[in-house]
């Protein structure tokens, strides 16, 4: 297990397992199923599943409610984007300094 501590008040700590997969973002815990798909959980159980690409560090898949998702957890962009099946961005969440710059550089939040 490896922990990357937050470097500023705008970042959160990341915890990785022995395979280099993110297992915790701040207080949010992530799990992986037998197909190496990342799963996020809420009180009712599995909320979303994401596939994982070891080469690029990208995770993508489908949320249980049917929305397509593109989720970036690498150390460069720090942006999570929710997209529809046609690739249009529905919403975006950024964390860390780089992600904040990405979302606010056009004057939009």
PDB file of N, CA and C in Angstrom:
ATOM      1  N   UNK A   1       0.841  -1.179   0.000  1.00  0.00           N
ATOM      2  CA  UNK A   1       0.000   0.000   0.000  1.00  0.00           C
ATOM      3  C   UNK A   1       0.885   1.239   0.000  1.00  0.00           C
ATOM      4  N   UNK A   2       0.507   2.213  -0.822  1.00  0.00           N
ATOM      5  CA  UNK A   2       1.251   3.460  -0.907  1.00  0.00           C
ATOM      6  C   UNK A   2       0.260   4.609  -0.759  1.00  0.00           C
ATOM      7  N   UNK A   3       0.653   5.627  -0.017  1.00  0.00           N
ATOM      8  CA  UNK A   3      -0.203   6.788   0.196  1.00  0.00           C
ATOM      9  C   UNK A   3       0.490   8.012  -0.372  1.00  0.00           C
ATOM     10  N   UNK A   4      -0.238   8.780  -1.198  1.00  0.00           N
ATOM     11  CA  UNK A   4       0.257  10.062  -1.694  1.00  0.00           C
ATOM     12  C   UNK A   4      -0.478  11.132  -0.901  1.00  0.00           C
ATOM     13  N   UNK A   5       0.243  11.767   0.003  1.00  0.00           N
ATOM     14  CA  UNK A   5      -0.364  12.772   0.873  1.00  0.00           C
ATOM     15  C   UNK A   5      -0.732  14.020   0.076  1.00  0.00           C
ATOM     16  N   UNK A   6      -1.732  14.735   0.562  1.00  0.00           N
ATOM     17  CA  UNK A   6      -2.128  15.998  -0.054  1.00  0.00           C
ATOM     18  C   UNK A   6      -0.994  17.004   0.096  1.00  0.00           C
ATOM     19  N   UNK A   7      -0.698  17.713  -0.978  1.00  0.00           N
ATOM     20  CA  UNK A   7       0.388  18.688  -0.970  1.00  0.00           C
ATOM     21  C   UNK A   7      -0.095  20.107  -0.680  1.00  0.00           C
ATOM     22  N   UNK A   8      -1.401  20.317  -0.706  1.00  0.00           N
ATOM     23  CA  UNK A   8      -1.963  21.633  -0.431  1.00  0.00           C
ATOM     24  C   UNK A   8      -3.373  21.437   0.123  1.00  0.00           C
ATOM     25  N   UNK A   9      -3.988  22.491   0.639  1.00  0.00           N
ATOM     26  CA  UNK A   9      -5.357  22.365   1.157  1.00  0.00           C
ATOM     27  C   UNK A   9      -6.371  22.014   0.071  1.00  0.00           C
ATOM     28  N   UNK A  10      -5.992  22.179  -1.206  1.00  0.00           N
ATOM     29  CA  UNK A  10      -6.902  21.912  -2.315  1.00  0.00           C
ATOM     30  C   UNK A  10      -6.834  20.466  -2.793  1.00  0.00           C
ATOM     31  N   UNK A  11      -5.931  19.675  -2.260  1.00  0.00           N
ATOM     32  CA  UNK A  11      -5.752  18.293  -2.680  1.00  0.00           C
ATOM     33  C   UNK A  11      -6.256  17.335  -1.611  1.00  0.00           C
ATOM     34  N   UNK A  12      -6.447  16.094  -2.007  1.00  0.00           N
ATOM     35  CA  UNK A  12      -6.804  15.035  -1.070  1.00  0.00           C
ATOM     36  C   UNK A  12      -5.759  13.938  -1.162  1.00  0.00           C
ATOM     37  N   UNK A  13      -5.643  13.167  -0.094  1.00  0.00           N
ATOM     38  CA  UNK A  13      -4.689  12.056  -0.095  1.00  0.00           C
ATOM     39  C   UNK A  13      -5.224  10.926  -0.969  1.00  0.00           C
ATOM     40  N   UNK A  14      -4.323  10.255  -1.681  1.00  0.00           N
ATOM     41  CA  UNK A  14      -4.671   9.096  -2.504  1.00  0.00           C
ATOM     42  C   UNK A  14      -3.975   7.875  -1.937  1.00  0.00           C
ATOM     43  N   UNK A  15      -4.682   6.762  -1.836  1.00  0.00           N
ATOM     44  CA  UNK A  15      -4.097   5.504  -1.375  1.00  0.00           C
ATOM     45  C   UNK A  15      -4.129   4.511  -2.527  1.00  0.00           C
ATOM     46  N   UNK A  16      -3.009   3.823  -2.767  1.00  0.00           N
ATOM     47  CA  UNK A  16      -2.879   2.862  -3.857  1.00  0.00           C
ATOM     48  C   UNK A  16      -2.617   1.479  -3.281  1.00  0.00           C
ATOM     49  N   UNK A  17      -3.091   0.426  -3.967  1.00  0.00           N
ATOM     50  CA  UNK A  17      -2.778  -0.936  -3.542  1.00  0.00           C
ATOM     51  C   UNK A  17      -1.463  -1.389  -4.174  1.00  0.00           C
ATOM     52  N   UNK A  18      -1.098  -2.658  -3.957  1.00  0.00           N
ATOM     53  CA  UNK A  18       0.182  -3.165  -4.458  1.00  0.00           C
ATOM     54  C   UNK A  18       0.234  -3.223  -5.980  1.00  0.00           C
ATOM     55  N   UNK A  19      -0.922  -3.164  -6.649  1.00  0.00           N
ATOM     56  CA  UNK A  19      -0.963  -3.169  -8.114  1.00  0.00           C
ATOM     57  C   UNK A  19      -0.978  -1.761  -8.689  1.00  0.00           C
ATOM     58  N   UNK A  20      -0.910  -0.752  -7.825  1.00  0.00           N
ATOM     59  CA  UNK A  20      -0.911   0.631  -8.278  1.00  0.00           C
ATOM     60  C   UNK A  20      -2.294   1.207  -8.523  1.00  0.00           C
ATOM     61  N   UNK A  21      -3.339   0.506  -8.110  1.00  0.00           N
ATOM     62  CA  UNK A  21      -4.696   0.997  -8.296  1.00  0.00           C
ATOM     63  C   UNK A  21      -5.092   1.887  -7.124  1.00  0.00           C
ATOM     64  N   UNK A  22      -5.859   2.934  -7.408  1.00  0.00           N
ATOM     65  CA  UNK A  22      -6.343   3.818  -6.347  1.00  0.00           C
ATOM     66  C   UNK A  22      -7.386   3.066  -5.533  1.00  0.00           C
ATOM     67  N   UNK A  23      -7.214   3.022  -4.210  1.00  0.00           N
ATOM     68  CA  UNK A  23      -8.183   2.351  -3.344  1.00  0.00           C
ATOM     69  C   UNK A  23      -8.905   3.319  -2.418  1.00  0.00           C
ATOM     70  N   UNK A  24      -8.395   4.544  -2.319  1.00  0.00           N
ATOM     71  CA  UNK A  24      -9.050   5.534  -1.472  1.00  0.00           C
ATOM     72  C   UNK A  24      -8.694   6.919  -1.974  1.00  0.00           C
ATOM     73  N   UNK A  25      -9.714   7.798  -2.063  1.00  0.00           N
ATOM     74  CA  UNK A  25      -9.528   9.202  -2.417  1.00  0.00           C
ATOM     75  C   UNK A  25     -10.077   9.994  -1.250  1.00  0.00           C
ATOM     76  N   UNK A  26      -9.201  10.579  -0.458  1.00  0.00           N
ATOM     77  CA  UNK A  26      -9.657  11.235   0.760  1.00  0.00           C
ATOM     78  C   UNK A  26     -10.312  10.210   1.659  1.00  0.00           C
ATOM     79  N   UNK A  27     -11.597  10.426   1.990  1.00  0.00           N
ATOM     80  CA  UNK A  27     -12.337   9.479   2.825  1.00  0.00           C
ATOM     81  C   UNK A  27     -13.126   8.459   2.006  1.00  0.00           C
ATOM     82  N   UNK A  28     -13.201   8.645   0.692  1.00  0.00           N
ATOM     83  CA  UNK A  28     -13.982   7.747  -0.163  1.00  0.00           C
ATOM     84  C   UNK A  28     -13.181   6.496  -0.492  1.00  0.00           C
ATOM     85  N   UNK A  29     -13.762   5.339  -0.196  1.00  0.00           N
ATOM     86  CA  UNK A  29     -13.085   4.070  -0.462  1.00  0.00           C
ATOM     87  C   UNK A  29     -13.570   3.483  -1.780  1.00  0.00           C
ATOM     88  N   UNK A  30     -12.653   2.888  -2.524  1.00  0.00           N
ATOM     89  CA  UNK A  30     -12.957   2.258  -3.803  1.00  0.00           C
ATOM     90  C   UNK A  30     -12.615   0.785  -3.717  1.00  0.00           C
ATOM     91  N   UNK A  31     -13.348  -0.046  -4.420  1.00  0.00           N
ATOM     92  CA  UNK A  31     -13.059  -1.470  -4.467  1.00  0.00           C
ATOM     93  C   UNK A  31     -12.918  -1.927  -5.903  1.00  0.00           C
ATOM     94  N   UNK A  32     -12.454  -3.148  -6.098  1.00  0.00           N
ATOM     95  CA  UNK A  32     -12.296  -3.717  -7.436  1.00  0.00           C
ATOM     96  C   UNK A  32     -12.930  -5.092  -7.454  1.00  0.00           C
ATOM     97  N   UNK A  33     -13.687  -5.389  -8.510  1.00  0.00           N
ATOM     98  CA  UNK A  33     -14.313  -6.702  -8.609  1.00  0.00           C
ATOM     99  C   UNK A  33     -13.393  -7.673  -9.345  1.00  0.00           C
ATOM    100  N   UNK A  34     -13.881  -8.883  -9.592  1.00  0.00           N
ATOM    101  CA  UNK A  34     -13.063  -9.927 -10.216  1.00  0.00           C
ATOM    102  C   UNK A  34     -12.646  -9.573 -11.640  1.00  0.00           C
ATOM    103  N   UNK A  35     -13.346  -8.639 -12.276  1.00  0.00           N
ATOM    104  CA  UNK A  35     -13.018  -8.234 -13.641  1.00  0.00           C
ATOM    105  C   UNK A  35     -12.124  -7.001 -13.665  1.00  0.00           C
ATOM    106  N   UNK A  36     -11.529  -6.651 -12.524  1.00  0.00           N
ATOM    107  CA  UNK A  36     -10.646  -5.492 -12.380  1.00  0.00           C
ATOM    108  C   UNK A  36     -11.374  -4.184 -12.671  1.00  0.00           C
ATOM    109  N   UNK A  37     -12.681  -4.160 -12.408  1.00  0.00           N
ATOM    110  CA  UNK A  37     -13.435  -2.922 -12.559  1.00  0.00           C
ATOM    111  C   UNK A  37     -13.524  -2.240 -11.203  1.00  0.00           C
ATOM    112  N   UNK A  38     -13.234  -0.943 -11.189  1.00  0.00           N
ATOM    113  CA  UNK A  38     -13.312  -0.179  -9.956  1.00  0.00           C
ATOM    114  C   UNK A  38     -14.780   0.036  -9.606  1.00  0.00           C
ATOM    115  N   UNK A  39     -15.114  -0.070  -8.327  1.00  0.00           N
ATOM    116  CA  UNK A  39     -16.479   0.133  -7.871  1.00  0.00           C
ATOM    117  C   UNK A  39     -16.504   1.187  -6.772  1.00  0.00           C
ATOM    118  N   UNK A  40     -17.465   2.093  -6.848  1.00  0.00           N
ATOM    119  CA  UNK A  40     -17.686   3.048  -5.770  1.00  0.00           C
ATOM    120  C   UNK A  40     -18.964   2.625  -5.057  1.00  0.00           C
ATOM    121  N   UNK A  41     -19.050   2.943  -3.789  1.00  0.00           N
ATOM    122  CA  UNK A  41     -20.144   2.432  -2.967  1.00  0.00           C
ATOM    123  C   UNK A  41     -20.904   3.565  -2.286  1.00  0.00           C
ATOM    124  N   UNK A  42     -22.196   3.344  -2.088  1.00  0.00           N
ATOM    125  CA  UNK A  42     -22.991   4.202  -1.220  1.00  0.00           C
ATOM    126  C   UNK A  42     -23.736   3.293  -0.243  1.00  0.00           C
ATOM    127  N   UNK A  43     -24.707   3.827   0.475  1.00  0.00           N
ATOM    128  CA  UNK A  43     -25.393   3.031   1.505  1.00  0.00           C
ATOM    129  C   UNK A  43     -26.160   1.846   0.924  1.00  0.00           C
ATOM    130  N   UNK A  44     -26.611   1.966  -0.321  1.00  0.00           N
ATOM    131  CA  UNK A  44     -27.393   0.897  -0.937  1.00  0.00           C
ATOM    132  C   UNK A  44     -26.514  -0.175  -1.573  1.00  0.00           C
ATOM    133  N   UNK A  45     -25.217   0.039  -1.644  1.00  0.00           N
ATOM    134  CA  UNK A  45     -24.320  -0.931  -2.278  1.00  0.00           C
ATOM    135  C   UNK A  45     -23.501  -0.277  -3.373  1.00  0.00           C
ATOM    136  N   UNK A  46     -23.282  -0.998  -4.457  1.00  0.00           N
ATOM    137  CA  UNK A  46     -22.451  -0.475  -5.540  1.00  0.00           C
ATOM    138  C   UNK A  46     -23.192   0.646  -6.246  1.00  0.00           C
ATOM    139  N   UNK A  47     -22.562   1.814  -6.346  1.00  0.00           N
ATOM    140  CA  UNK A  47     -23.165   2.970  -7.009  1.00  0.00           C
ATOM    141  C   UNK A  47     -22.735   3.054  -8.463  1.00  0.00           C
ATOM    142  N   UNK A  48     -21.469   2.725  -8.737  1.00  0.00           N
ATOM    143  CA  UNK A  48     -20.952   2.847 -10.096  1.00  0.00           C
ATOM    144  C   UNK A  48     -19.800   1.879 -10.288  1.00  0.00           C
ATOM    145  N   UNK A  49     -19.562   1.517 -11.545  1.00  0.00           N
ATOM    146  CA  UNK A  49     -18.434   0.655 -11.889  1.00  0.00           C
ATOM    147  C   UNK A  49     -17.643   1.327 -12.998  1.00  0.00           C
ATOM    148  N   UNK A  50     -16.326   1.215 -12.925  1.00  0.00           N
ATOM    149  CA  UNK A  50     -15.452   1.807 -13.932  1.00  0.00           C
ATOM    150  C   UNK A  50     -14.407   0.788 -14.348  1.00  0.00           C
ATOM    151  N   UNK A  51     -14.093   0.741 -15.636  1.00  0.00           N
ATOM    152  CA  UNK A  51     -12.981  -0.100 -16.072  1.00  0.00           C
ATOM    153  C   UNK A  51     -11.693   0.682 -15.884  1.00  0.00           C
ATOM    154  N   UNK A  52     -10.570  -0.014 -15.897  1.00  0.00           N
ATOM    155  CA  UNK A  52      -9.292   0.608 -15.565  1.00  0.00           C
ATOM    156  C   UNK A  52      -8.269   0.287 -16.639  1.00  0.00           C
ATOM    157  N   UNK A  53      -7.612   1.299 -17.151  1.00  0.00           N
ATOM    158  CA  UNK A  53      -6.570   1.128 -18.155  1.00  0.00           C
ATOM    159  C   UNK A  53      -5.232   1.417 -17.492  1.00  0.00           C
ATOM    160  N   UNK A  54      -4.423   0.385 -17.271  1.00  0.00           N
ATOM    161  CA  UNK A  54      -3.159   0.566 -16.562  1.00  0.00           C
ATOM    162  C   UNK A  54      -2.191   1.459 -17.327  1.00  0.00           C
ATOM    163  N   UNK A  55      -2.263   1.452 -18.655  1.00  0.00           N
ATOM    164  CA  UNK A  55      -1.321   2.236 -19.464  1.00  0.00           C
ATOM    165  C   UNK A  55      -1.565   3.739 -19.306  1.00  0.00           C
ATOM    166  N   UNK A  56      -2.818   4.151 -19.339  1.00  0.00           N
ATOM    167  CA  UNK A  56      -3.126   5.579 -19.295  1.00  0.00           C
ATOM    168  C   UNK A  56      -3.579   6.059 -17.931  1.00  0.00           C
ATOM    169  N   UNK A  57      -3.947   5.135 -17.038  1.00  0.00           N
ATOM    170  CA  UNK A  57      -4.468   5.547 -15.743  1.00  0.00           C
ATOM    171  C   UNK A  57      -5.904   6.009 -15.803  1.00  0.00           C
ATOM    172  N   UNK A  58      -6.579   5.816 -16.958  1.00  0.00           N
ATOM    173  CA  UNK A  58      -7.963   6.245 -17.091  1.00  0.00           C
ATOM    174  C   UNK A  58      -8.897   5.150 -16.623  1.00  0.00           C
ATOM    175  N   UNK A  59      -9.987   5.560 -16.046  1.00  0.00           N
ATOM    176  CA  UNK A  59     -11.024   4.628 -15.658  1.00  0.00           C
ATOM    177  C   UNK A  59     -12.307   5.086 -16.333  1.00  0.00           C
ATOM    178  N   UNK A  60     -12.998   4.179 -16.974  1.00  0.00           N
ATOM    179  CA  UNK A  60     -14.254   4.564 -17.592  1.00  0.00           C
ATOM    180  C   UNK A  60     -15.202   3.391 -17.573  1.00  0.00           C
ATOM    181  N   UNK A  61     -16.469   3.660 -17.783  1.00  0.00           N
ATOM    182  CA  UNK A  61     -17.440   2.583 -17.741  1.00  0.00           C
ATOM    183  C   UNK A  61     -18.836   3.138 -17.717  1.00  0.00           C
ATOM    184  N   UNK A  62     -19.742   2.462 -17.079  1.00  0.00           N
ATOM    185  CA  UNK A  62     -21.113   2.940 -16.991  1.00  0.00           C
ATOM    186  C   UNK A  62     -21.555   2.991 -15.539  1.00  0.00           C
ATOM    187  N   UNK A  63     -22.192   4.085 -15.183  1.00  0.00           N
ATOM    188  CA  UNK A  63     -22.812   4.192 -13.871  1.00  0.00           C
ATOM    189  C   UNK A  63     -24.003   3.241 -13.871  1.00  0.00           C
ATOM    190  N   UNK A  64     -24.363   2.737 -12.723  1.00  0.00           N
ATOM    191  CA  UNK A  64     -25.443   1.760 -12.631  1.00  0.00           C
ATOM    192  C   UNK A  64     -26.746   2.311 -13.201  1.00  0.00           C
ATOM    193  N   UNK A  65     -26.988   3.625 -13.085  1.00  0.00           N
ATOM    194  CA  UNK A  65     -28.230   4.198 -13.614  1.00  0.00           C
ATOM    195  C   UNK A  65     -28.191   4.371 -15.129  1.00  0.00           C
ATOM    196  N   UNK A  66     -27.124   3.931 -15.796  1.00  0.00           N
ATOM    197  CA  UNK A  66     -27.070   3.913 -17.253  1.00  0.00           C
ATOM    198  C   UNK A  66     -26.293   5.035 -17.898  1.00  0.00           C
ATOM    199  N   UNK A  67     -25.826   6.026 -17.138  1.00  0.00           N
ATOM    200  CA  UNK A  67     -25.074   7.119 -17.738  1.00  0.00           C
ATOM    201  C   UNK A  67     -23.645   6.683 -18.019  1.00  0.00           C
ATOM    202  N   UNK A  68     -23.130   7.091 -19.164  1.00  0.00           N
ATOM    203  CA  UNK A  68     -21.737   6.796 -19.487  1.00  0.00           C
ATOM    204  C   UNK A  68     -20.843   7.745 -18.709  1.00  0.00           C
ATOM    205  N   UNK A  69     -19.696   7.249 -18.276  1.00  0.00           N
ATOM    206  CA  UNK A  69     -18.813   8.050 -17.438  1.00  0.00           C
ATOM    207  C   UNK A  69     -17.381   7.954 -17.927  1.00  0.00           C
ATOM    208  N   UNK A  70     -16.683   9.072 -17.883  1.00  0.00           N
ATOM    209  CA  UNK A  70     -15.254   9.124 -18.146  1.00  0.00           C
ATOM    210  C   UNK A  70     -14.633   9.712 -16.890  1.00  0.00           C
ATOM    211  N   UNK A  71     -13.751   8.979 -16.244  1.00  0.00           N
ATOM    212  CA  UNK A  71     -13.266   9.370 -14.925  1.00  0.00           C
ATOM    213  C   UNK A  71     -11.757   9.355 -14.929  1.00  0.00           C
ATOM    214  N   UNK A  72     -11.126  10.502 -14.773  1.00  0.00           N
ATOM    215  CA  UNK A  72      -9.675  10.598 -14.791  1.00  0.00           C
ATOM    216  C   UNK A  72      -9.168  10.756 -13.366  1.00  0.00           C
ATOM    217  N   UNK A  73      -8.256   9.887 -12.965  1.00  0.00           N
ATOM    218  CA  UNK A  73      -7.704   9.955 -11.618  1.00  0.00           C
ATOM    219  C   UNK A  73      -6.190  10.071 -11.642  1.00  0.00           C
ATOM    220  N   UNK A  74      -5.644  10.502 -12.765  1.00  0.00           N
ATOM    221  CA  UNK A  74      -4.187  10.567 -12.813  1.00  0.00           C
ATOM    222  C   UNK A  74      -3.698  11.809 -12.081  1.00  0.00           C
ATOM    223  N   UNK A  75      -2.399  11.948 -11.942  1.00  0.00           N
ATOM    224  CA  UNK A  75      -1.842  13.051 -11.163  1.00  0.00           C
ATOM    225  C   UNK A  75      -1.667  14.314 -11.990  1.00  0.00           C
ATOM    226  N   UNK A  76      -2.039  14.289 -13.273  1.00  0.00           N
ATOM    227  CA  UNK A  76      -1.882  15.464 -14.115  1.00  0.00           C
ATOM    228  C   UNK A  76      -3.133  16.330 -14.139  1.00  0.00           C
ATOM    229  N   UNK A  77      -4.279  15.746 -14.472  1.00  0.00           N
ATOM    230  CA  UNK A  77      -5.469  16.552 -14.710  1.00  0.00           C
ATOM    231  C   UNK A  77      -6.402  16.656 -13.514  1.00  0.00           C
ATOM    232  N   UNK A  78      -6.530  15.596 -12.737  1.00  0.00           N
ATOM    233  CA  UNK A  78      -7.380  15.593 -11.550  1.00  0.00           C
ATOM    234  C   UNK A  78      -8.804  16.068 -11.852  1.00  0.00           C
ATOM    235  N   UNK A  79      -9.378  15.531 -12.917  1.00  0.00           N
ATOM    236  CA  UNK A  79     -10.719  15.935 -13.320  1.00  0.00           C
ATOM    237  C   UNK A  79     -11.579  14.694 -13.519  1.00  0.00           C
ATOM    238  N   UNK A  80     -12.776  14.722 -12.995  1.00  0.00           N
ATOM    239  CA  UNK A  80     -13.754  13.670 -13.259  1.00  0.00           C
ATOM    240  C   UNK A  80     -14.861  14.282 -14.101  1.00  0.00           C
ATOM    241  N   UNK A  81     -15.164  13.658 -15.223  1.00  0.00           N
ATOM    242  CA  UNK A  81     -16.213  14.172 -16.088  1.00  0.00           C
ATOM    243  C   UNK A  81     -17.274  13.103 -16.306  1.00  0.00           C
ATOM    244  N   UNK A  82     -18.522  13.516 -16.220  1.00  0.00           N
ATOM    245  CA  UNK A  82     -19.634  12.623 -16.533  1.00  0.00           C
ATOM    246  C   UNK A  82     -20.093  12.950 -17.944  1.00  0.00           C
ATOM    247  N   UNK A  83     -20.145  11.942 -18.820  1.00  0.00           N
ATOM    248  CA  UNK A  83     -20.538  12.161 -20.208  1.00  0.00           C
ATOM    249  C   UNK A  83     -21.767  11.329 -20.552  1.00  0.00           C
ATOM    250  N   UNK A  84     -22.512  11.803 -21.545  1.00  0.00           N
ATOM    251  CA  UNK A  84     -23.619  11.001 -22.048  1.00  0.00           C
ATOM    252  C   UNK A  84     -23.078   9.983 -23.054  1.00  0.00           C
ATOM    253  N   UNK A  85     -23.930   9.076 -23.555  1.00  0.00           N
ATOM    254  CA  UNK A  85     -23.437   8.050 -24.483  1.00  0.00           C
ATOM    255  C   UNK A  85     -22.833   8.607 -25.772  1.00  0.00           C
ATOM    256  N   UNK A  86     -23.080   9.880 -26.089  1.00  0.00           N
ATOM    257  CA  UNK A  86     -22.534  10.485 -27.297  1.00  0.00           C
ATOM    258  C   UNK A  86     -21.232  11.232 -27.044  1.00  0.00           C
ATOM    259  N   UNK A  87     -20.755  11.225 -25.811  1.00  0.00           N
ATOM    260  CA  UNK A  87     -19.495  11.874 -25.476  1.00  0.00           C
ATOM    261  C   UNK A  87     -19.620  13.314 -25.029  1.00  0.00           C
ATOM    262  N   UNK A  88     -20.840  13.835 -24.922  1.00  0.00           N
ATOM    263  CA  UNK A  88     -21.031  15.205 -24.449  1.00  0.00           C
ATOM    264  C   UNK A  88     -20.855  15.258 -22.941  1.00  0.00           C
ATOM    265  N   UNK A  89     -20.092  16.242 -22.459  1.00  0.00           N
ATOM    266  CA  UNK A  89     -19.844  16.370 -21.026  1.00  0.00           C
ATOM    267  C   UNK A  89     -21.091  16.916 -20.341  1.00  0.00           C
ATOM    268  N   UNK A  90     -21.588  16.177 -19.349  1.00  0.00           N
ATOM    269  CA  UNK A  90     -22.758  16.604 -18.589  1.00  0.00           C
ATOM    270  C   UNK A  90     -22.356  17.396 -17.358  1.00  0.00           C
ATOM    271  N   UNK A  91     -21.279  16.973 -16.717  1.00  0.00           N
ATOM    272  CA  UNK A  91     -20.801  17.670 -15.533  1.00  0.00           C
ATOM    273  C   UNK A  91     -19.340  17.333 -15.322  1.00  0.00           C
ATOM    274  N   UNK A  92     -18.677  18.147 -14.530  1.00  0.00           N
ATOM    275  CA  UNK A  92     -17.272  17.901 -14.239  1.00  0.00           C
ATOM    276  C   UNK A  92     -16.953  18.236 -12.802  1.00  0.00           C
ATOM    277  N   UNK A  93     -16.065  17.469 -12.216  1.00  0.00           N
ATOM    278  CA  UNK A  93     -15.607  17.711 -10.852  1.00  0.00           C
ATOM    279  C   UNK A  93     -14.094  17.756 -10.901  1.00  0.00           C
ATOM    280  N   UNK A  94     -13.509  18.755 -10.292  1.00  0.00           N
ATOM    281  CA  UNK A  94     -12.056  18.859 -10.272  1.00  0.00           C
ATOM    282  C   UNK A  94     -11.583  18.919  -8.838  1.00  0.00           C
ATOM    283  N   UNK A  95     -10.411  18.374  -8.596  1.00  0.00           N
ATOM    284  CA  UNK A  95      -9.810  18.480  -7.275  1.00  0.00           C
ATOM    285  C   UNK A  95      -8.327  18.711  -7.452  1.00  0.00           C
ATOM    286  N   UNK A  96      -7.738  19.423  -6.524  1.00  0.00           N
ATOM    287  CA  UNK A  96      -6.331  19.770  -6.648  1.00  0.00           C
ATOM    288  C   UNK A  96      -6.163  21.032  -7.474  1.00  0.00           C
ATOM    289  N   UNK A  97      -4.986  21.613  -7.421  1.00  0.00           N
ATOM    290  CA  UNK A  97      -4.728  22.877  -8.098  1.00  0.00           C
ATOM    291  C   UNK A  97      -4.872  22.759  -9.609  1.00  0.00           C
ATOM    292  N   UNK A  98      -4.330  21.712 -10.211  1.00  0.00           N
ATOM    293  CA  UNK A  98      -4.380  21.553 -11.658  1.00  0.00           C
ATOM    294  C   UNK A  98      -5.821  21.407 -12.135  1.00  0.00           C
ATOM    295  N   UNK A  99      -6.613  20.619 -11.441  1.00  0.00           N
ATOM    296  CA  UNK A  99      -8.000  20.437 -11.822  1.00  0.00           C
ATOM    297  C   UNK A  99      -8.802  21.714 -11.700  1.00  0.00           C
ATOM    298  N   UNK A 100      -8.545  22.495 -10.671  1.00  0.00           N
ATOM    299  CA  UNK A 100      -9.236  23.763 -10.501  1.00  0.00           C
ATOM    300  C   UNK A 100      -8.911  24.699 -11.653  1.00  0.00           C
ATOM    301  N   UNK A 101      -7.650  24.743 -12.071  1.00  0.00           N
ATOM    302  CA  UNK A 101      -7.267  25.565 -13.215  1.00  0.00           C
ATOM    303  C   UNK A 101      -7.989  25.104 -14.474  1.00  0.00           C
ATOM    304  N   UNK A 102      -8.117  23.791 -14.637  1.00  0.00           N
ATOM    305  CA  UNK A 102      -8.754  23.244 -15.832  1.00  0.00           C
ATOM    306  C   UNK A 102     -10.201  23.705 -15.947  1.00  0.00           C
ATOM    307  N   UNK A 103     -10.939  23.705 -14.847  1.00  0.00           N
ATOM    308  CA  UNK A 103     -12.351  24.055 -14.904  1.00  0.00           C
ATOM    309  C   UNK A 103     -12.598  25.555 -14.902  1.00  0.00           C
ATOM    310  N   UNK A 104     -11.695  26.333 -14.354  1.00  0.00           N
ATOM    311  CA  UNK A 104     -11.974  27.760 -14.200  1.00  0.00           C
ATOM    312  C   UNK A 104     -11.274  28.648 -15.222  1.00  0.00           C
ATOM    313  N   UNK A 105     -10.417  28.097 -16.075  1.00  0.00           N
ATOM    314  CA  UNK A 105      -9.653  28.951 -16.986  1.00  0.00           C
ATOM    315  C   UNK A 105     -10.537  29.657 -18.010  1.00  0.00           C
ATOM    316  N   UNK A 106     -11.724  29.098 -18.318  1.00  0.00           N
ATOM    317  CA  UNK A 106     -12.633  29.733 -19.260  1.00  0.00           C
ATOM    318  C   UNK A 106     -13.685  30.585 -18.551  1.00  0.00           C
ATOM    319  N   UNK A 107     -13.517  30.774 -17.250  1.00  0.00           N
ATOM    320  CA  UNK A 107     -14.470  31.568 -16.496  1.00  0.00           C
ATOM    321  C   UNK A 107     -15.723  30.803 -16.116  1.00  0.00           C
ATOM    322  N   UNK A 108     -15.705  29.482 -16.296  1.00  0.00           N
ATOM    323  CA  UNK A 108     -16.868  28.668 -15.966  1.00  0.00           C
ATOM    324  C   UNK A 108     -16.512  27.743 -14.819  1.00  0.00           C
ATOM    325  N   UNK A 109     -17.506  27.457 -13.984  1.00  0.00           N
ATOM    326  CA  UNK A 109     -17.271  26.516 -12.892  1.00  0.00           C
ATOM    327  C   UNK A 109     -18.243  25.367 -12.997  1.00  0.00           C
TER     328      UNK A 109
END
